[in-house]
């Protein structure tokens, strides 16, 4: 029997029946042999012998990626290193001076890192814009600031809340979470054509492969009536090298049905972000006791969306961060399941599930809900000694924030994602955090942490028979690491991606790899 590729080395399968094997054979993009005995009867076109220090695993699955946003991010002005408003202005002006782009997009800005404790005002951005439109997005993607040129084009009702102005009445160009920011972001998306969207997703594919990721659950189209970013990919799916599970972010499920998708929704936001006080919480914020966040949609609208998905045998998914938003969604799911006589293994998802109560965790387990959580969030916002969680939520709520271990122990299937571009598409950093943190509500074993990015990710996308483990019959998606994470568990974040293989083809190879 001929095969395209024969691999020999230290192979971690994530298949409990045969946890480790020495040999894998691949033909036509599928695994045709996985075992410890050298296979006989194969005539390989290529043989790959792994370095004895390396380890091969199933390709990583990032279960929460804003594909369109990430494509924009990769070509945007990066502002994470800025320490002051002056730094921001200098970095943005450099791009304005040296590009033909008419819209300058910035990402990763945060008032927390700027010494002034605020984002730039529009008149400050005007001084460095050089005739360009400028839009800078908050690192949470739940807020922005812009210059006057862009501001004057926005379809905003200036009487709406969440549009900042100074005491003298001047608008600052800062848009907080909510409808004004949604309209701003949608307007920005409409400035980009289909070909640019397609180029963006090709850039996302290349970057994902460099991170050892072979599948993403991509959440796109939020608020865009024409769904141009989604259609640009769906219409040319065969040309995209990265495997994508597509979630269309719309209450209207007709486009998803048209393309025979198994899932609808994605990051349809029922609330906002903890760190800017827009997540809907049951108790007031510790540092802003007048605030409890907001629910963006009424209960009946949330119920109807879940119901429409369920009766069409589709998995629904929505963004719920705060405990009040989780309550709204989880009770809508429960009502639909009770009315329709069971969950039918549809695996309705809750994206983020960041601040659940104990009762909500138990309900998720009982209802067969998949929780799509983000292990890298604490690396961004819960840094010891300067925790933004503690500042906005207080110590007690911080202790139950992002409780991934608690959710896993309750029997809930948890898949993991980056929420890229909010955090980097780097599974190793997140896995390392889960394995090596001292916080019991987040701490997992190496095997548990890897499952979030392999078998659980496949299950969350209804692809457990196709991907997620090195098992005969599944797609030949692999990542080769510089070290074995089970042996060198303290060094996971420093391990290198030596190679990524998708459908049996090498799609990424580190420069120093033979």
Protein backbone atom coordinates (compact mmCIF):
# COMPACT_ATOMS: atom_id res chain seq x y z
CA UNK A 1 0.00 0.00 0.00
CA UNK A 2 1.32 3.41 -0.91
CA UNK A 3 1.21 6.28 1.57
CA UNK A 4 2.16 9.93 1.25
CA UNK A 5 3.98 10.23 4.55
CA UNK A 6 5.42 7.93 7.19
CA UNK A 7 6.34 9.52 10.53
CA UNK A 8 8.59 7.98 13.20
CA UNK A 9 9.11 9.50 16.65
CA UNK A 10 7.60 10.44 20.00
CA UNK A 11 3.92 10.84 19.14
CA UNK A 12 1.28 11.86 21.71
CA UNK A 13 -2.07 10.84 20.27
CA UNK A 14 -4.59 12.29 22.80
CA UNK A 15 -6.46 9.04 22.12
CA UNK A 16 -6.98 7.25 25.48
CA UNK A 17 -6.95 3.86 23.73
CA UNK A 18 -3.33 4.33 22.61
CA UNK A 19 -1.88 7.44 24.33
CA UNK A 20 1.51 7.21 22.59
CA UNK A 21 2.74 5.64 19.38
CA UNK A 22 6.01 5.55 17.49
CA UNK A 23 4.70 5.41 13.93
CA UNK A 24 2.03 7.18 11.92
CA UNK A 25 1.24 6.66 8.24
CA UNK A 26 -0.71 9.18 6.20
CA UNK A 27 -2.42 8.82 2.83
CA UNK A 28 -4.62 11.31 0.99
CA UNK A 29 -4.62 13.60 4.02
CA UNK A 30 -5.92 10.96 6.44
CA UNK A 31 -4.26 8.81 9.10
CA UNK A 32 -4.10 5.20 7.88
CA UNK A 33 -1.87 3.73 10.60
CA UNK A 34 -0.95 4.72 14.17
CA UNK A 35 0.95 2.24 16.31
CA UNK A 36 4.14 1.30 18.10
CA UNK A 37 5.25 -1.41 15.69
CA UNK A 38 6.96 -0.31 12.51
CA UNK A 39 4.26 -0.66 9.87
CA UNK A 40 4.70 -3.16 7.10
CA UNK A 41 3.18 -3.17 3.67
CA UNK A 42 3.49 0.60 3.19
CA UNK A 43 5.46 2.22 0.37
CA UNK A 44 5.97 5.78 1.67
CA UNK A 45 6.67 8.63 -0.70
CA UNK A 46 8.23 10.55 2.20
CA UNK A 47 9.56 9.52 5.60
CA UNK A 48 9.75 12.01 8.46
CA UNK A 49 11.91 11.03 11.41
CA UNK A 50 11.41 13.31 14.38
CA UNK A 51 14.29 14.47 16.53
CA UNK A 52 14.42 12.34 19.69
CA UNK A 53 13.75 15.43 21.84
CA UNK A 54 10.69 16.47 19.86
CA UNK A 55 7.07 15.45 20.41
CA UNK A 56 4.24 15.34 17.89
CA UNK A 57 0.63 15.99 18.93
CA UNK A 58 -2.67 16.53 17.13
CA UNK A 59 -2.80 19.98 15.55
CA UNK A 60 -4.10 22.58 17.98
CA UNK A 61 -7.69 23.81 17.67
CA UNK A 62 -8.36 27.44 18.63
CA UNK A 63 -12.07 27.49 19.40
CA UNK A 64 -12.63 31.24 19.54
CA UNK A 65 -11.01 33.38 16.86
CA UNK A 66 -12.39 36.55 15.33
CA UNK A 67 -10.98 35.71 11.93
CA UNK A 68 -11.86 38.99 10.23
CA UNK A 69 -10.60 41.03 13.17
CA UNK A 70 -7.42 38.97 13.38
CA UNK A 71 -6.73 39.55 9.69
CA UNK A 72 -7.09 43.27 10.26
CA UNK A 73 -4.96 43.05 13.38
CA UNK A 74 -2.06 41.43 11.58
CA UNK A 75 -1.77 44.47 9.32
CA UNK A 76 -2.66 47.08 11.94
CA UNK A 77 -0.61 49.48 14.04
CA UNK A 78 0.23 47.63 17.28
CA UNK A 79 -0.07 49.82 20.39
CA UNK A 80 0.52 47.41 23.26
CA UNK A 81 3.97 48.88 23.91
CA UNK A 82 2.74 52.47 24.24
CA UNK A 83 3.19 53.92 27.74
CA UNK A 84 1.65 57.35 27.19
CA UNK A 85 -0.59 59.28 24.83
CA UNK A 86 2.54 60.78 23.30
CA UNK A 87 3.82 57.27 22.55
CA UNK A 88 0.54 56.43 20.83
CA UNK A 89 0.72 59.56 18.72
CA UNK A 90 4.29 58.86 17.67
CA UNK A 91 3.55 55.25 16.69
CA UNK A 92 0.41 56.14 14.75
CA UNK A 93 2.02 59.09 13.00
CA UNK A 94 4.79 56.83 11.72
CA UNK A 95 2.18 54.74 9.87
CA UNK A 96 0.25 57.79 8.66
CA UNK A 97 3.40 59.21 7.09
CA UNK A 98 4.53 56.02 5.40
CA UNK A 99 1.48 54.42 3.82
CA UNK A 100 -1.01 54.99 1.04
CA UNK A 101 -3.80 53.56 3.18
CA UNK A 102 -6.69 55.95 3.72
CA UNK A 103 -7.79 54.31 6.99
CA UNK A 104 -5.19 53.72 9.71
CA UNK A 105 -6.32 51.01 12.07
CA UNK A 106 -4.70 50.63 15.49
CA UNK A 107 -5.09 47.72 17.90
CA UNK A 108 -4.18 46.81 21.49
CA UNK A 109 -4.57 50.25 23.01
CA UNK A 110 -5.49 50.40 26.72
CA UNK A 111 -5.86 53.33 29.10
CA UNK A 112 -4.47 51.06 31.83
CA UNK A 113 -1.01 51.18 30.23
CA UNK A 114 -1.01 54.90 29.45
CA UNK A 115 0.29 57.21 32.16
CA UNK A 116 -2.59 59.64 31.56
CA UNK A 117 -5.11 56.88 32.35
CA UNK A 118 -7.12 57.72 29.21
CA UNK A 119 -7.13 57.17 25.46
CA UNK A 120 -6.10 59.94 23.05
CA UNK A 121 -8.66 62.63 22.27
CA UNK A 122 -9.71 63.14 18.67
CA UNK A 123 -8.01 66.54 18.40
CA UNK A 124 -4.75 64.98 19.53
CA UNK A 125 -5.05 62.35 16.81
CA UNK A 126 -5.87 65.11 14.32
CA UNK A 127 -2.41 66.58 14.78
CA UNK A 128 -0.67 63.45 13.49
CA UNK A 129 -3.15 62.07 10.95
CA UNK A 130 -1.69 63.63 7.79
CA UNK A 131 -5.10 63.59 6.08
CA UNK A 132 -5.83 59.96 6.98
CA UNK A 133 -8.78 58.50 8.89
CA UNK A 134 -7.64 56.99 12.21
CA UNK A 135 -9.47 54.43 14.37
CA UNK A 136 -7.77 52.88 17.40
CA UNK A 137 -9.47 49.87 19.00
CA UNK A 138 -9.29 49.04 22.67
CA UNK A 139 -7.49 45.78 23.48
CA UNK A 140 -10.81 44.23 24.54
CA UNK A 141 -12.46 45.13 21.20
CA UNK A 142 -15.13 46.75 23.33
CA UNK A 143 -14.29 50.41 22.74
CA UNK A 144 -12.30 52.77 20.51
CA UNK A 145 -11.10 56.28 19.84
CA UNK A 146 -10.75 58.05 16.50
CA UNK A 147 -9.78 61.32 14.84
CA UNK A 148 -12.17 63.99 13.57
CA UNK A 149 -11.99 62.86 9.96
CA UNK A 150 -13.26 59.39 10.82
CA UNK A 151 -15.67 60.69 13.48
CA UNK A 152 -17.45 62.91 10.96
CA UNK A 153 -18.22 59.90 8.74
CA UNK A 154 -19.73 57.74 11.48
CA UNK A 155 -23.48 56.96 11.45
CA UNK A 156 -23.95 57.98 15.08
CA UNK A 157 -26.81 59.54 16.99
CA UNK A 158 -24.84 61.79 19.33
CA UNK A 159 -27.60 61.68 21.93
CA UNK A 160 -26.94 57.96 22.53
CA UNK A 161 -25.22 56.85 25.75
CA UNK A 162 -21.64 55.53 25.75
CA UNK A 163 -20.32 58.43 23.68
CA UNK A 164 -17.83 60.28 25.85
CA UNK A 165 -17.77 64.06 26.10
CA UNK A 166 -15.96 66.44 28.41
CA UNK A 167 -17.63 68.73 30.93
CA UNK A 168 -17.55 71.57 28.38
CA UNK A 169 -19.61 69.44 25.99
CA UNK A 170 -16.88 68.49 23.54
CA UNK A 171 -16.95 64.96 22.16
CA UNK A 172 -13.61 63.24 22.71
CA UNK A 173 -13.84 60.65 19.93
CA UNK A 174 -13.95 57.92 22.55
CA UNK A 175 -16.69 55.34 22.11
CA UNK A 176 -17.41 53.00 24.95
CA UNK A 177 -19.02 49.60 24.53
CA UNK A 178 -22.56 49.34 23.24
CA UNK A 179 -24.44 50.51 20.15
CA UNK A 180 -22.16 53.47 19.24
CA UNK A 181 -19.07 51.26 19.17
CA UNK A 182 -20.91 48.52 17.28
CA UNK A 183 -21.93 51.03 14.61
CA UNK A 184 -18.39 52.36 14.42
CA UNK A 185 -16.88 48.92 14.00
CA UNK A 186 -19.49 47.98 11.40
CA UNK A 187 -18.77 51.15 9.44
CA UNK A 188 -15.07 50.31 9.45
CA UNK A 189 -15.82 46.81 8.13
CA UNK A 190 -17.86 48.26 5.27
CA UNK A 191 -14.80 50.21 4.10
CA UNK A 192 -13.07 46.91 3.18
CA UNK A 193 -13.75 44.96 -0.04
CA UNK A 194 -14.12 41.21 -0.53
CA UNK A 195 -10.65 40.70 -1.99
CA UNK A 196 -9.05 42.39 1.02
CA UNK A 197 -11.09 40.18 3.37
CA UNK A 198 -9.88 37.09 1.53
CA UNK A 199 -6.24 38.22 1.70
CA UNK A 200 -6.72 38.78 5.41
CA UNK A 201 -7.88 35.21 6.03
CA UNK A 202 -4.88 33.88 4.09
CA UNK A 203 -2.66 35.88 6.47
CA UNK A 204 -4.57 34.41 9.42
CA UNK A 205 -3.98 30.91 8.04
CA UNK A 206 -0.25 31.46 7.76
CA UNK A 207 -0.03 32.86 11.27
CA UNK A 208 -2.15 30.08 12.77
CA UNK A 209 0.10 27.44 11.24
CA UNK A 210 3.15 29.13 12.80
CA UNK A 211 1.42 28.66 16.19
CA UNK A 212 0.76 24.96 15.60
CA UNK A 213 -2.94 25.59 14.98
CA UNK A 214 -4.62 23.55 12.23
CA UNK A 215 -8.27 24.43 12.96
CA UNK A 216 -9.95 27.61 14.09
CA UNK A 217 -13.55 28.25 15.05
CA UNK A 218 -13.93 31.61 13.37
CA UNK A 219 -16.60 34.05 14.48
CA UNK A 220 -17.36 36.66 11.85
CA UNK A 221 -19.93 39.04 10.42
CA UNK A 222 -21.18 40.66 13.61
CA UNK A 223 -23.61 43.43 12.74
CA UNK A 224 -22.74 43.53 9.02
CA UNK A 225 -25.91 43.29 6.94
CA UNK A 226 -24.14 42.05 3.82
CA UNK A 227 -21.75 39.75 5.76
CA UNK A 228 -19.08 40.60 3.18
CA UNK A 229 -16.26 39.23 5.32
CA UNK A 230 -18.08 35.91 5.80
CA UNK A 231 -19.10 35.56 2.16
CA UNK A 232 -15.56 36.35 0.99
CA UNK A 233 -14.42 33.18 2.74
CA UNK A 234 -17.44 30.92 2.25
CA UNK A 235 -17.42 31.59 -1.50
CA UNK A 236 -13.74 30.57 -1.77
CA UNK A 237 -13.50 28.02 1.04
CA UNK A 238 -11.47 25.56 -1.06
CA UNK A 239 -8.73 28.17 -1.49
CA UNK A 240 -8.22 28.64 2.27
CA UNK A 241 -5.44 26.34 3.57
CA UNK A 242 -6.57 26.51 7.21
CA UNK A 243 -9.52 24.40 8.32
CA UNK A 244 -12.23 26.68 9.70
CA UNK A 245 -15.48 26.04 11.54
CA UNK A 246 -17.51 29.09 10.57
CA UNK A 247 -19.85 30.86 13.02
CA UNK A 248 -21.92 33.66 11.47
CA UNK A 249 -22.64 36.31 14.08
CA UNK A 250 -26.25 37.18 13.40
CA UNK A 251 -29.61 36.55 15.02
CA UNK A 252 -30.86 35.71 11.53
CA UNK A 253 -29.78 32.11 10.84
CA UNK A 254 -30.73 32.07 7.14
CA UNK A 255 -27.19 32.53 5.77
CA UNK A 256 -25.90 29.72 7.98
CA UNK A 257 -28.70 27.47 6.73
CA UNK A 258 -27.97 28.47 3.13
CA UNK A 259 -24.40 27.23 3.53
CA UNK A 260 -25.45 24.12 5.49
CA UNK A 261 -23.50 25.11 8.59
CA UNK A 262 -23.98 23.10 11.76
CA UNK A 263 -23.65 26.15 13.99
CA UNK A 264 -24.89 29.74 14.30
CA UNK A 265 -24.01 32.76 16.38
CA UNK A 266 -20.51 32.86 17.77
CA UNK A 267 -19.61 35.97 19.71
CA UNK A 268 -23.02 37.59 19.57
CA UNK A 269 -22.49 39.82 22.58
CA UNK A 270 -25.08 39.67 25.33
CA UNK A 271 -22.80 41.92 27.40
CA UNK A 272 -19.34 43.46 27.22
CA UNK A 273 -16.02 43.22 29.04
CA UNK A 274 -15.15 43.06 32.72
CA UNK A 275 -12.21 45.41 32.60
CA UNK A 276 -14.19 48.32 31.16
CA UNK A 277 -17.27 47.73 33.34
CA UNK A 278 -19.59 46.61 30.52
CA UNK A 279 -19.96 42.93 31.43
CA UNK A 280 -23.39 42.41 33.00
CA UNK A 281 -22.80 41.43 36.63
CA UNK A 282 -25.21 40.73 39.47
CA UNK A 283 -23.37 42.85 42.03
CA UNK A 284 -21.93 46.34 41.36
CA UNK A 285 -18.33 46.77 40.22
CA UNK A 286 -15.90 47.20 43.11
CA UNK A 287 -14.32 50.38 41.75
CA UNK A 288 -17.50 51.76 40.12
CA UNK A 289 -20.36 50.87 42.50
CA UNK A 290 -22.82 52.82 40.36
CA UNK A 291 -22.29 50.33 37.51
CA UNK A 292 -23.41 46.73 36.93
CA UNK A 293 -22.90 46.57 33.16
CA UNK A 294 -25.72 46.09 30.68
CA UNK A 295 -27.60 43.31 28.93
CA UNK A 296 -27.58 44.26 25.26
CA UNK A 297 -30.64 42.25 24.17
CA UNK A 298 -33.99 41.38 25.78
CA UNK A 299 -34.69 37.89 27.09
CA UNK A 300 -37.24 37.05 24.40
CA UNK A 301 -34.77 37.85 21.60
CA UNK A 302 -32.13 35.59 23.16
CA UNK A 303 -34.69 32.81 23.64
CA UNK A 304 -35.91 33.11 20.04
CA UNK A 305 -32.36 32.82 18.67
CA UNK A 306 -31.60 29.67 20.67
CA UNK A 307 -35.01 28.25 19.73
CA UNK A 308 -34.50 28.92 16.00
CA UNK A 309 -31.12 27.21 16.11
CA UNK A 310 -32.39 24.26 18.11
CA UNK A 311 -35.42 23.42 15.96
CA UNK A 312 -33.18 23.62 12.88
CA UNK A 313 -30.78 21.14 14.52
CA UNK A 314 -28.02 23.73 14.77
CA UNK A 315 -25.64 24.54 17.61
CA UNK A 316 -26.13 28.05 18.99
CA UNK A 317 -23.39 30.17 20.51
CA UNK A 318 -23.37 33.56 22.24
CA UNK A 319 -20.96 35.76 24.23
CA UNK A 320 -21.78 35.91 27.95
CA UNK A 321 -19.08 37.20 30.30
CA UNK A 322 -20.75 38.39 33.50
CA UNK A 323 -22.90 36.22 35.77
CA UNK A 324 -26.03 38.21 34.84
CA UNK A 325 -25.44 37.64 31.10
CA UNK A 326 -24.69 33.96 31.72
CA UNK A 327 -28.00 33.73 33.59
CA UNK A 328 -29.88 35.23 30.67
CA UNK A 329 -28.38 32.77 28.17
CA UNK A 330 -28.32 29.60 30.25
CA UNK A 331 -31.98 29.92 31.23
CA UNK A 332 -32.90 30.53 27.59
CA UNK A 333 -31.05 27.34 26.63
CA UNK A 334 -32.71 25.40 29.45
CA UNK A 335 -36.17 26.62 28.44
CA UNK A 336 -35.63 25.58 24.82
CA UNK A 337 -34.27 22.16 25.81
CA UNK A 338 -37.22 21.54 28.16
CA UNK A 339 -39.76 22.64 25.54
CA UNK A 340 -38.18 20.57 22.77
CA UNK A 341 -37.73 17.41 24.80
CA UNK A 342 -33.94 17.33 25.23
CA UNK A 343 -30.72 18.79 23.93
CA UNK A 344 -30.28 16.23 21.09
CA UNK A 345 -26.50 16.49 21.43
CA UNK A 346 -26.57 19.91 19.75
CA UNK A 347 -23.93 21.17 22.20
CA UNK A 348 -25.16 24.74 22.53
CA UNK A 349 -22.18 26.89 23.49
CA UNK A 350 -21.53 29.76 25.84
CA UNK A 351 -18.58 31.87 24.77
CA UNK A 352 -16.35 33.10 27.63
CA UNK A 353 -18.43 31.89 30.63
CA UNK A 354 -16.02 34.10 32.56
CA UNK A 355 -17.79 34.79 35.85
CA UNK A 356 -20.20 31.90 36.44
CA UNK A 357 -21.82 31.03 39.73
CA UNK A 358 -21.58 27.50 41.12
CA UNK A 359 -25.21 26.92 40.14
CA UNK A 360 -24.55 28.05 36.56
CA UNK A 361 -21.63 25.63 36.26
CA UNK A 362 -23.85 22.78 37.45
CA UNK A 363 -26.55 23.81 34.97
CA UNK A 364 -24.04 23.82 32.11
CA UNK A 365 -23.06 20.25 32.96
CA UNK A 366 -26.68 19.13 33.25
CA UNK A 367 -27.72 20.69 29.94
CA UNK A 368 -24.75 19.41 27.90
CA UNK A 369 -23.55 22.95 27.22
CA UNK A 370 -20.05 23.44 25.83
CA UNK A 371 -18.16 26.29 27.49
CA UNK A 372 -15.71 28.05 25.20
CA UNK A 373 -13.22 29.72 27.57
CA UNK A 374 -10.04 31.77 27.22
CA UNK A 375 -7.09 30.66 29.39
CA UNK A 376 -4.94 33.58 28.23
CA UNK A 377 -7.26 36.23 29.68
CA UNK A 378 -5.66 36.02 33.17
CA UNK A 379 -2.25 36.51 31.55
CA UNK A 380 -3.57 39.82 30.26
CA UNK A 381 -5.79 41.04 33.09
CA UNK A 382 -5.03 39.07 36.28
CA UNK A 383 -1.32 39.69 36.72
CA UNK A 384 -0.31 39.30 40.40
CA UNK A 385 0.23 42.66 42.03
CA UNK A 386 -1.57 44.61 39.31
CA UNK A 387 -4.69 42.60 38.64
CA UNK A 388 -7.36 44.46 36.70
CA UNK A 389 -9.83 41.79 37.81
CA UNK A 390 -9.24 42.66 41.47
CA UNK A 391 -9.57 46.36 40.72
CA UNK A 392 -12.91 46.10 38.95
CA UNK A 393 -14.44 43.01 40.60
CA UNK A 394 -12.85 42.85 44.05
CA UNK A 395 -10.89 39.94 45.50
CA UNK A 396 -13.77 37.51 46.14
CA UNK A 397 -15.17 37.64 42.61
CA UNK A 398 -11.67 37.46 41.15
CA UNK A 399 -11.32 34.10 42.90
CA UNK A 400 -14.12 32.72 40.72
CA UNK A 401 -13.18 34.52 37.51
CA UNK A 402 -12.18 32.32 34.52
CA UNK A 403 -12.64 29.19 36.69
CA UNK A 404 -11.61 26.74 34.00
CA UNK A 405 -10.58 23.96 36.40
CA UNK A 406 -13.84 24.21 38.34
CA UNK A 407 -15.85 23.98 35.12
CA UNK A 408 -13.83 20.97 33.91
CA UNK A 409 -14.20 19.19 37.27
CA UNK A 410 -17.97 19.67 37.13
CA UNK A 411 -18.04 17.55 33.96
CA UNK A 412 -18.56 20.36 31.46
CA UNK A 413 -16.78 20.02 28.12
CA UNK A 414 -14.52 23.07 27.90
CA UNK A 415 -12.83 24.11 24.68
CA UNK A 416 -10.18 26.82 24.64
CA UNK A 417 -9.64 29.81 22.42
CA UNK A 418 -7.55 32.92 22.18
CA UNK A 419 -10.31 35.41 21.36
CA UNK A 420 -7.72 36.64 18.86
CA UNK A 421 -6.91 39.43 18.36
CA UNK A 422 -7.69 40.16 22.03
CA UNK A 423 -4.93 37.71 22.97
CA UNK A 424 -2.31 36.12 20.77
CA UNK A 425 -3.00 32.86 18.94
CA UNK A 426 -0.40 31.00 21.00
CA UNK A 427 -1.81 27.85 22.65
CA UNK A 428 1.48 27.03 24.40
CA UNK A 429 1.40 30.14 26.59
CA UNK A 430 -2.18 29.43 27.64
CA UNK A 431 -1.49 25.72 28.24
CA UNK A 432 1.56 26.62 30.30
CA UNK A 433 -0.55 28.98 32.42
CA UNK A 434 -3.16 26.32 33.14
CA UNK A 435 -0.55 23.73 34.06
CA UNK A 436 1.71 25.96 36.16
CA UNK A 437 -0.61 28.42 37.86
CA UNK A 438 -0.96 28.14 41.64
CA UNK A 439 -4.65 29.10 41.47
CA UNK A 440 -6.73 25.98 42.03
CA UNK A 441 -9.79 27.27 40.18
CA UNK A 442 -7.70 27.40 36.99
CA UNK A 443 -5.04 24.73 37.45
CA UNK A 444 -5.20 21.66 35.16
CA UNK A 445 -2.99 18.66 34.49
CA UNK A 446 -0.98 18.59 31.26
CA UNK A 447 -3.43 16.11 29.75
CA UNK A 448 -6.47 18.16 30.76
CA UNK A 449 -4.95 21.36 29.35
CA UNK A 450 -4.01 19.72 26.05
CA UNK A 451 -7.51 18.27 25.70
CA UNK A 452 -8.94 21.81 25.64
CA UNK A 453 -6.98 22.49 22.44
CA UNK A 454 -7.40 19.09 20.77
CA UNK A 455 -10.16 16.55 21.47
CA UNK A 456 -12.45 19.04 23.23
CA UNK A 457 -12.04 21.58 20.46
CA UNK A 458 -13.03 18.94 17.93
CA UNK A 459 -16.05 17.95 20.04
CA UNK A 460 -17.10 21.60 20.36
CA UNK A 461 -17.19 21.84 16.56
CA UNK A 462 -18.99 18.50 16.07
CA UNK A 463 -15.80 17.14 14.51
CA UNK A 464 -14.67 14.57 17.06
CA UNK A 465 -14.84 11.82 14.41
CA UNK A 466 -12.61 13.82 12.08
CA UNK A 467 -10.04 15.72 14.14
CA UNK A 468 -8.56 16.25 17.59
CA UNK A 469 -6.51 13.07 18.06
CA UNK A 470 -3.97 10.98 16.21
CA UNK A 471 -6.41 8.20 15.35
CA UNK A 472 -6.81 6.11 12.20
CA UNK A 473 -9.39 7.63 9.89
CA UNK A 474 -8.99 11.21 11.10
CA UNK A 475 -7.38 14.11 9.25
CA UNK A 476 -3.59 14.14 9.42
CA UNK A 477 -3.30 17.41 11.37
CA UNK A 478 -0.21 17.52 13.59
CA UNK A 479 2.06 19.89 15.48
CA UNK A 480 5.68 19.04 16.31
CA UNK A 481 7.01 20.63 19.51
CA UNK A 482 10.65 21.04 20.49
CA UNK A 483 10.01 19.15 23.76
CA UNK A 484 7.56 16.73 25.30
CA UNK A 485 5.05 18.77 27.39
CA UNK A 486 4.42 15.84 29.73
CA UNK A 487 8.14 15.54 30.55
CA UNK A 488 9.02 19.24 30.55
CA UNK A 489 5.77 20.63 31.96
CA UNK A 490 7.48 23.64 33.55
CA UNK A 491 8.82 24.79 30.17
CA UNK A 492 5.74 24.63 27.95
CA UNK A 493 5.54 28.36 27.22
CA UNK A 494 9.15 28.35 25.97
CA UNK A 495 8.75 25.38 23.65
CA UNK A 496 9.08 25.97 19.93
CA UNK A 497 6.73 24.98 17.14
CA UNK A 498 9.09 22.99 14.95
CA UNK A 499 6.55 21.94 12.34
CA UNK A 500 2.85 22.05 11.54
CA UNK A 501 1.21 19.49 9.25
CA UNK A 502 -2.30 19.96 7.87
CA UNK A 503 -4.02 17.16 5.96
CA UNK A 504 -0.67 15.43 5.66
CA UNK A 505 1.14 18.43 4.16
CA UNK A 506 3.87 20.42 5.92
CA UNK A 507 2.42 23.94 6.12
CA UNK A 508 4.92 25.43 8.58
CA UNK A 509 8.52 24.58 9.35
CA UNK A 510 10.84 26.47 11.69
CA UNK A 511 13.93 27.84 9.97
CA UNK A 512 16.31 25.57 11.83
CA UNK A 513 14.28 22.39 11.27
CA UNK A 514 15.81 19.94 8.84
